[in-house]
Structures are given as C-alpha cells and as structure tokens.
Amino acid sequence: MGMLGIDKFNAIINPPECSILGVGRTVEKPAVHGGEIKIRPMAWFTLSSDHRIVDGATAALFLNHIKKLAENPHLLLI
C-alpha cells in the first residue's frame, strides 16, 4: 500500500497464510539519530500473525530483523 501513498495499515491474514507484512510509504521525517535531529527516510511496517500458528515473540523477532535489514541494506549482500 506504500506505493499507493498509504502511510500505514493493518493487513488481514487470508487462509492458509500464517502472517502478512504490511509496508507503508517512505517519507522524509525528522528523527533523533546519534543524539542529533536529522531528516531521515521513515516507513511503517506492520506484521499481522495468526497466534495459533506463530508465537508472538517469534513474529516480533522477524519484524525486528526486517527493520534491521531496511536500516542496513548492505546486510542483504552478506
């Protein structure tokens, strides 16, 4: 939905899916980085998961990994 200009949304899981990742648009916003306020590209990522299939802690670890890769794309080459 980000490509349609949507900032954030909650994706709905369709059977037989166990999770779905929603990605909002990227916009430049002020953010604190290294103790300074800088303009940085920011985006919303939401993960909807079926807790009958996926443990919430495991889903959170996955989303944290996606965040790390989005902030450090060079890690995709390792």
PDB file of N, CA and C in Angstrom:
ATOM      1  N   MET A   1       0.811  -1.195   0.000  1.00  0.00           N
ATOM      2  CA  MET A   1       0.000   0.000   0.000  1.00  0.00           C
ATOM      3  C   MET A   1       0.853   1.258   0.000  1.00  0.00           C
ATOM      4  N   GLY A   2       2.118   1.116   0.379  1.00  0.00           N
ATOM      5  CA  GLY A   2       3.009   2.264   0.368  1.00  0.00           C
ATOM      6  C   GLY A   2       3.134   2.884  -1.002  1.00  0.00           C
ATOM      7  N   MET A   3       3.128   2.056  -2.038  1.00  0.00           N
ATOM      8  CA  MET A   3       3.238   2.574  -3.403  1.00  0.00           C
ATOM      9  C   MET A   3       1.994   3.353  -3.814  1.00  0.00           C
ATOM     10  N   LEU A   4       0.917   3.233  -3.031  1.00  0.00           N
ATOM     11  CA  LEU A   4      -0.306   3.979  -3.293  1.00  0.00           C
ATOM     12  C   LEU A   4      -0.424   5.211  -2.400  1.00  0.00           C
ATOM     13  N   GLY A   5       0.652   5.514  -1.655  1.00  0.00           N
ATOM     14  CA  GLY A   5       0.670   6.705  -0.812  1.00  0.00           C
ATOM     15  C   GLY A   5       0.086   6.506   0.579  1.00  0.00           C
ATOM     16  N   ILE A   6      -0.145   5.261   0.982  1.00  0.00           N
ATOM     17  CA  ILE A   6      -0.702   4.963   2.299  1.00  0.00           C
ATOM     18  C   ILE A   6       0.439   4.889   3.308  1.00  0.00           C
ATOM     19  N   ASP A   7       0.306   5.627   4.427  1.00  0.00           N
ATOM     20  CA  ASP A   7       1.361   5.628   5.450  1.00  0.00           C
ATOM     21  C   ASP A   7       1.443   4.317   6.211  1.00  0.00           C
ATOM     22  N   LYS A   8       0.305   3.845   6.734  1.00  0.00           N
ATOM     23  CA  LYS A   8       0.295   2.581   7.473  1.00  0.00           C
ATOM     24  C   LYS A   8      -1.087   1.960   7.402  1.00  0.00           C
ATOM     25  N   PHE A   9      -1.115   0.641   7.588  1.00  0.00           N
ATOM     26  CA  PHE A   9      -2.378  -0.095   7.541  1.00  0.00           C
ATOM     27  C   PHE A   9      -2.177  -1.440   8.212  1.00  0.00           C
ATOM     28  N   ASN A  10      -3.256  -2.104   8.525  1.00  0.00           N
ATOM     29  CA  ASN A  10      -3.220  -3.443   9.105  1.00  0.00           C
ATOM     30  C   ASN A  10      -3.698  -4.435   8.060  1.00  0.00           C
ATOM     31  N   ALA A  11      -2.785  -5.282   7.614  1.00  0.00           N
ATOM     32  CA  ALA A  11      -3.132  -6.284   6.608  1.00  0.00           C
ATOM     33  C   ALA A  11      -3.896  -7.426   7.271  1.00  0.00           C
ATOM     34  N   ILE A  12      -4.830  -8.005   6.545  1.00  0.00           N
ATOM     35  CA  ILE A  12      -5.651  -9.100   7.061  1.00  0.00           C
ATOM     36  C   ILE A  12      -5.118 -10.421   6.520  1.00  0.00           C
ATOM     37  N   ILE A  13      -4.971 -11.389   7.409  1.00  0.00           N
ATOM     38  CA  ILE A  13      -4.453 -12.705   7.048  1.00  0.00           C
ATOM     39  C   ILE A  13      -5.543 -13.486   6.312  1.00  0.00           C
ATOM     40  N   ASN A  14      -5.166 -14.060   5.181  1.00  0.00           N
ATOM     41  CA  ASN A  14      -6.077 -14.907   4.419  1.00  0.00           C
ATOM     42  C   ASN A  14      -5.601 -16.357   4.519  1.00  0.00           C
ATOM     43  N   PRO A  15      -6.486 -17.291   4.876  1.00  0.00           N
ATOM     44  CA  PRO A  15      -6.075 -18.692   4.943  1.00  0.00           C
ATOM     45  C   PRO A  15      -5.527 -19.136   3.581  1.00  0.00           C
ATOM     46  N   PRO A  16      -4.467 -19.903   3.528  1.00  0.00           N
ATOM     47  CA  PRO A  16      -3.747 -20.585   4.588  1.00  0.00           C
ATOM     48  C   PRO A  16      -2.527 -19.815   5.110  1.00  0.00           C
ATOM     49  N   GLU A  17      -2.492 -18.494   4.957  1.00  0.00           N
ATOM     50  CA  GLU A  17      -1.360 -17.703   5.440  1.00  0.00           C
ATOM     51  C   GLU A  17      -1.286 -17.749   6.965  1.00  0.00           C
ATOM     52  N   CYS A  18      -0.064 -17.613   7.502  1.00  0.00           N
ATOM     53  CA  CYS A  18       0.076 -17.527   8.957  1.00  0.00           C
ATOM     54  C   CYS A  18       0.464 -16.114   9.372  1.00  0.00           C
ATOM     55  N   SER A  19       1.024 -15.329   8.444  1.00  0.00           N
ATOM     56  CA  SER A  19       1.396 -13.936   8.714  1.00  0.00           C
ATOM     57  C   SER A  19       1.366 -13.155   7.414  1.00  0.00           C
ATOM     58  N   ILE A  20       1.271 -11.837   7.549  1.00  0.00           N
ATOM     59  CA  ILE A  20       1.356 -10.963   6.380  1.00  0.00           C
ATOM     60  C   ILE A  20       2.008  -9.658   6.816  1.00  0.00           C
ATOM     61  N   LEU A  21       2.924  -9.171   5.987  1.00  0.00           N
ATOM     62  CA  LEU A  21       3.670  -7.959   6.274  1.00  0.00           C
ATOM     63  C   LEU A  21       3.071  -6.802   5.498  1.00  0.00           C
ATOM     64  N   GLY A  22       2.724  -5.731   6.208  1.00  0.00           N
ATOM     65  CA  GLY A  22       2.232  -4.516   5.576  1.00  0.00           C
ATOM     66  C   GLY A  22       3.333  -3.470   5.557  1.00  0.00           C
ATOM     67  N   VAL A  23       3.569  -2.860   4.393  1.00  0.00           N
ATOM     68  CA  VAL A  23       4.620  -1.853   4.257  1.00  0.00           C
ATOM     69  C   VAL A  23       3.998  -0.552   3.767  1.00  0.00           C
ATOM     70  N   GLY A  24       4.164   0.505   4.571  1.00  0.00           N
ATOM     71  CA  GLY A  24       3.651   1.822   4.204  1.00  0.00           C
ATOM     72  C   GLY A  24       4.660   2.589   3.376  1.00  0.00           C
ATOM     73  N   ARG A  25       4.263   3.774   2.929  1.00  0.00           N
ATOM     74  CA  ARG A  25       5.158   4.583   2.096  1.00  0.00           C
ATOM     75  C   ARG A  25       6.328   5.121   2.914  1.00  0.00           C
ATOM     76  N   THR A  26       7.384   5.465   2.238  1.00  0.00           N
ATOM     77  CA  THR A  26       8.563   6.051   2.864  1.00  0.00           C
ATOM     78  C   THR A  26       8.502   7.563   2.684  1.00  0.00           C
ATOM     79  N   VAL A  27       8.638   8.283   3.802  1.00  0.00           N
ATOM     80  CA  VAL A  27       8.639   9.749   3.766  1.00  0.00           C
ATOM     81  C   VAL A  27       9.798  10.270   4.613  1.00  0.00           C
ATOM     82  N   GLU A  28      10.294  11.435   4.240  1.00  0.00           N
ATOM     83  CA  GLU A  28      11.372  12.070   4.990  1.00  0.00           C
ATOM     84  C   GLU A  28      10.769  12.754   6.219  1.00  0.00           C
ATOM     85  N   LYS A  29      11.298  12.410   7.406  1.00  0.00           N
ATOM     86  CA  LYS A  29      10.803  12.974   8.665  1.00  0.00           C
ATOM     87  C   LYS A  29      11.980  13.258   9.586  1.00  0.00           C
ATOM     88  N   PRO A  30      11.822  14.230  10.498  1.00  0.00           N
ATOM     89  CA  PRO A  30      12.883  14.447  11.485  1.00  0.00           C
ATOM     90  C   PRO A  30      12.906  13.295  12.488  1.00  0.00           C
ATOM     91  N   ALA A  31      14.114  12.848  12.820  1.00  0.00           N
ATOM     92  CA  ALA A  31      14.282  11.749  13.770  1.00  0.00           C
ATOM     93  C   ALA A  31      15.602  11.948  14.510  1.00  0.00           C
ATOM     94  N   VAL A  32      15.657  11.450  15.734  1.00  0.00           N
ATOM     95  CA  VAL A  32      16.894  11.521  16.510  1.00  0.00           C
ATOM     96  C   VAL A  32      17.786  10.366  16.086  1.00  0.00           C
ATOM     97  N   HIS A  33      18.996  10.693  15.679  1.00  0.00           N
ATOM     98  CA  HIS A  33      19.973   9.680  15.262  1.00  0.00           C
ATOM     99  C   HIS A  33      21.347  10.118  15.740  1.00  0.00           C
ATOM    100  N   GLY A  34      21.958   9.305  16.586  1.00  0.00           N
ATOM    101  CA  GLY A  34      23.267   9.649  17.124  1.00  0.00           C
ATOM    102  C   GLY A  34      23.235  10.895  17.992  1.00  0.00           C
ATOM    103  N   GLY A  35      22.112  11.118  18.698  1.00  0.00           N
ATOM    104  CA  GLY A  35      21.997  12.266  19.576  1.00  0.00           C
ATOM    105  C   GLY A  35      21.675  13.574  18.869  1.00  0.00           C
ATOM    106  N   GLU A  36      21.448  13.518  17.551  1.00  0.00           N
ATOM    107  CA  GLU A  36      21.122  14.723  16.779  1.00  0.00           C
ATOM    108  C   GLU A  36      19.813  14.511  16.030  1.00  0.00           C
ATOM    109  N   ILE A  37      19.119  15.605  15.782  1.00  0.00           N
ATOM    110  CA  ILE A  37      17.896  15.541  14.975  1.00  0.00           C
ATOM    111  C   ILE A  37      18.300  15.672  13.517  1.00  0.00           C
ATOM    112  N   LYS A  38      17.943  14.668  12.735  1.00  0.00           N
ATOM    113  CA  LYS A  38      18.268  14.644  11.308  1.00  0.00           C
ATOM    114  C   LYS A  38      17.024  14.253  10.516  1.00  0.00           C
ATOM    115  N   ILE A  39      16.996  14.675   9.268  1.00  0.00           N
ATOM    116  CA  ILE A  39      15.921  14.255   8.365  1.00  0.00           C
ATOM    117  C   ILE A  39      16.303  12.885   7.828  1.00  0.00           C
ATOM    118  N   ARG A  40      15.385  11.913   8.025  1.00  0.00           N
ATOM    119  CA  ARG A  40      15.671  10.544   7.617  1.00  0.00           C
ATOM    120  C   ARG A  40      14.451   9.945   6.927  1.00  0.00           C
ATOM    121  N   PRO A  41      14.674   8.997   6.020  1.00  0.00           N
ATOM    122  CA  PRO A  41      13.522   8.303   5.426  1.00  0.00           C
ATOM    123  C   PRO A  41      12.905   7.369   6.464  1.00  0.00           C
ATOM    124  N   MET A  42      11.598   7.473   6.637  1.00  0.00           N
ATOM    125  CA  MET A  42      10.882   6.681   7.636  1.00  0.00           C
ATOM    126  C   MET A  42       9.718   5.958   6.954  1.00  0.00           C
ATOM    127  N   ALA A  43       9.432   4.749   7.433  1.00  0.00           N
ATOM    128  CA  ALA A  43       8.307   3.974   6.900  1.00  0.00           C
ATOM    129  C   ALA A  43       7.714   3.134   8.019  1.00  0.00           C
ATOM    130  N   TRP A  44       6.424   2.813   7.894  1.00  0.00           N
ATOM    131  CA  TRP A  44       5.733   1.927   8.832  1.00  0.00           C
ATOM    132  C   TRP A  44       5.751   0.513   8.280  1.00  0.00           C
ATOM    133  N   PHE A  45       6.071  -0.443   9.140  1.00  0.00           N
ATOM    134  CA  PHE A  45       5.979  -1.865   8.827  1.00  0.00           C
ATOM    135  C   PHE A  45       5.063  -2.484   9.878  1.00  0.00           C
ATOM    136  N   THR A  46       4.055  -3.217   9.443  1.00  0.00           N
ATOM    137  CA  THR A  46       3.181  -3.911  10.392  1.00  0.00           C
ATOM    138  C   THR A  46       3.149  -5.393  10.024  1.00  0.00           C
ATOM    139  N   LEU A  47       3.119  -6.227  11.041  1.00  0.00           N
ATOM    140  CA  LEU A  47       3.063  -7.668  10.818  1.00  0.00           C
ATOM    141  C   LEU A  47       1.836  -8.215  11.538  1.00  0.00           C
ATOM    142  N   SER A  48       0.928  -8.793  10.767  1.00  0.00           N
ATOM    143  CA  SER A  48      -0.242  -9.463  11.341  1.00  0.00           C
ATOM    144  C   SER A  48       0.050 -10.952  11.330  1.00  0.00           C
ATOM    145  N   SER A  49      -0.141 -11.613  12.478  1.00  0.00           N
ATOM    146  CA  SER A  49       0.165 -13.041  12.584  1.00  0.00           C
ATOM    147  C   SER A  49      -0.965 -13.788  13.277  1.00  0.00           C
ATOM    148  N   ASP A  50      -1.165 -15.027  12.871  1.00  0.00           N
ATOM    149  CA  ASP A  50      -2.134 -15.906  13.498  1.00  0.00           C
ATOM    150  C   ASP A  50      -1.423 -16.599  14.660  1.00  0.00           C
ATOM    151  N   HIS A  51      -1.787 -16.260  15.890  1.00  0.00           N
ATOM    152  CA  HIS A  51      -1.106 -16.794  17.066  1.00  0.00           C
ATOM    153  C   HIS A  51      -1.393 -18.273  17.308  1.00  0.00           C
ATOM    154  N   ARG A  52      -2.284 -18.851  16.548  1.00  0.00           N
ATOM    155  CA  ARG A  52      -2.477 -20.299  16.635  1.00  0.00           C
ATOM    156  C   ARG A  52      -1.347 -21.031  15.908  1.00  0.00           C
ATOM    157  N   ILE A  53      -0.660 -20.300  15.022  1.00  0.00           N
ATOM    158  CA  ILE A  53       0.397 -20.900  14.207  1.00  0.00           C
ATOM    159  C   ILE A  53       1.775 -20.349  14.577  1.00  0.00           C
ATOM    160  N   VAL A  54       1.854 -19.037  14.810  1.00  0.00           N
ATOM    161  CA  VAL A  54       3.133 -18.361  15.060  1.00  0.00           C
ATOM    162  C   VAL A  54       3.111 -17.729  16.445  1.00  0.00           C
ATOM    163  N   ASP A  55       4.138 -18.004  17.234  1.00  0.00           N
ATOM    164  CA  ASP A  55       4.274 -17.376  18.543  1.00  0.00           C
ATOM    165  C   ASP A  55       4.548 -15.880  18.343  1.00  0.00           C
ATOM    166  N   GLY A  56       3.915 -15.032  19.145  1.00  0.00           N
ATOM    167  CA  GLY A  56       4.073 -13.588  19.017  1.00  0.00           C
ATOM    168  C   GLY A  56       5.512 -13.118  19.173  1.00  0.00           C
ATOM    169  N   ALA A  57       6.273 -13.752  20.053  1.00  0.00           N
ATOM    170  CA  ALA A  57       7.676 -13.377  20.253  1.00  0.00           C
ATOM    171  C   ALA A  57       8.498 -13.677  18.998  1.00  0.00           C
ATOM    172  N   THR A  58       8.218 -14.806  18.356  1.00  0.00           N
ATOM    173  CA  THR A  58       8.914 -15.165  17.122  1.00  0.00           C
ATOM    174  C   THR A  58       8.570 -14.182  16.014  1.00  0.00           C
ATOM    175  N   ALA A  59       7.309 -13.797  15.917  1.00  0.00           N
ATOM    176  CA  ALA A  59       6.884 -12.814  14.921  1.00  0.00           C
ATOM    177  C   ALA A  59       7.569 -11.469  15.167  1.00  0.00           C
ATOM    178  N   ALA A  60       7.699 -11.078  16.437  1.00  0.00           N
ATOM    179  CA  ALA A  60       8.365  -9.818  16.772  1.00  0.00           C
ATOM    180  C   ALA A  60       9.839  -9.863  16.393  1.00  0.00           C
ATOM    181  N   LEU A  61      10.493 -11.002  16.600  1.00  0.00           N
ATOM    182  CA  LEU A  61      11.896 -11.149  16.196  1.00  0.00           C
ATOM    183  C   LEU A  61      12.044 -11.027  14.682  1.00  0.00           C
ATOM    184  N   PHE A  62      11.105 -11.609  13.942  1.00  0.00           N
ATOM    185  CA  PHE A  62      11.125 -11.500  12.483  1.00  0.00           C
ATOM    186  C   PHE A  62      10.981 -10.037  12.049  1.00  0.00           C
ATOM    187  N   LEU A  63      10.020  -9.330  12.649  1.00  0.00           N
ATOM    188  CA  LEU A  63       9.810  -7.931  12.293  1.00  0.00           C
ATOM    189  C   LEU A  63      11.029  -7.081  12.655  1.00  0.00           C
ATOM    190  N   ASN A  64      11.665  -7.386  13.766  1.00  0.00           N
ATOM    191  CA  ASN A  64      12.880  -6.686  14.158  1.00  0.00           C
ATOM    192  C   ASN A  64      14.002  -6.936  13.144  1.00  0.00           C
ATOM    193  N   HIS A  65      14.075  -8.160  12.607  1.00  0.00           N
ATOM    194  CA  HIS A  65      15.078  -8.477  11.590  1.00  0.00           C
ATOM    195  C   HIS A  65      14.801  -7.698  10.300  1.00  0.00           C
ATOM    196  N   ILE A  66      13.546  -7.589   9.917  1.00  0.00           N
ATOM    197  CA  ILE A  66      13.172  -6.807   8.732  1.00  0.00           C
ATOM    198  C   ILE A  66      13.582  -5.351   8.932  1.00  0.00           C
ATOM    199  N   LYS A  67      13.346  -4.809  10.121  1.00  0.00           N
ATOM    200  CA  LYS A  67      13.743  -3.430  10.448  1.00  0.00           C
ATOM    201  C   LYS A  67      15.246  -3.257  10.297  1.00  0.00           C
ATOM    202  N   LYS A  68      16.010  -4.208  10.833  1.00  0.00           N
ATOM    203  CA  LYS A  68      17.469  -4.143  10.752  1.00  0.00           C
ATOM    204  C   LYS A  68      17.929  -4.134   9.289  1.00  0.00           C
ATOM    205  N   LEU A  69      17.327  -4.983   8.449  1.00  0.00           N
ATOM    206  CA  LEU A  69      17.692  -5.034   7.038  1.00  0.00           C
ATOM    207  C   LEU A  69      17.300  -3.761   6.295  1.00  0.00           C
ATOM    208  N   ALA A  70      16.153  -3.186   6.634  1.00  0.00           N
ATOM    209  CA  ALA A  70      15.721  -1.944   5.989  1.00  0.00           C
ATOM    210  C   ALA A  70      16.650  -0.788   6.346  1.00  0.00           C
ATOM    211  N   GLU A  71      17.149  -0.777   7.576  1.00  0.00           N
ATOM    212  CA  GLU A  71      18.056   0.283   8.021  1.00  0.00           C
ATOM    213  C   GLU A  71      19.490   0.060   7.552  1.00  0.00           C
ATOM    214  N   ASN A  72      19.840  -1.189   7.222  1.00  0.00           N
ATOM    215  CA  ASN A  72      21.204  -1.541   6.796  1.00  0.00           C
ATOM    216  C   ASN A  72      21.144  -2.454   5.573  1.00  0.00           C
ATOM    217  N   PRO A  73      20.757  -1.933   4.401  1.00  0.00           N
ATOM    218  CA  PRO A  73      20.559  -2.800   3.238  1.00  0.00           C
ATOM    219  C   PRO A  73      21.821  -3.532   2.793  1.00  0.00           C
ATOM    220  N   HIS A  74      22.992  -3.041   3.172  1.00  0.00           N
ATOM    221  CA  HIS A  74      24.219  -3.755   2.798  1.00  0.00           C
ATOM    222  C   HIS A  74      24.282  -5.149   3.427  1.00  0.00           C
ATOM    223  N   LEU A  75      23.523  -5.390   4.501  1.00  0.00           N
ATOM    224  CA  LEU A  75      23.499  -6.705   5.132  1.00  0.00           C
ATOM    225  C   LEU A  75      22.862  -7.767   4.223  1.00  0.00           C
ATOM    226  N   LEU A  76      22.095  -7.326   3.239  1.00  0.00           N
ATOM    227  CA  LEU A  76      21.486  -8.279   2.294  1.00  0.00           C
ATOM    228  C   LEU A  76      22.547  -8.930   1.420  1.00  0.00           C
ATOM    229  N   LEU A  77      23.720  -8.336   1.323  1.00  0.00           N
ATOM    230  CA  LEU A  77      24.784  -8.862   0.488  1.00  0.00           C
ATOM    231  C   LEU A  77      25.671  -9.863   1.213  1.00  0.00           C
ATOM    232  N   ILE A  78      25.479  -9.998   2.516  1.00  0.00           N
ATOM    233  CA  ILE A  78      26.329 -10.894   3.311  1.00  0.00           C
ATOM    234  C   ILE A  78      25.785 -12.295   3.282  1.00  0.00           C
TER     235      ILE A  78
END
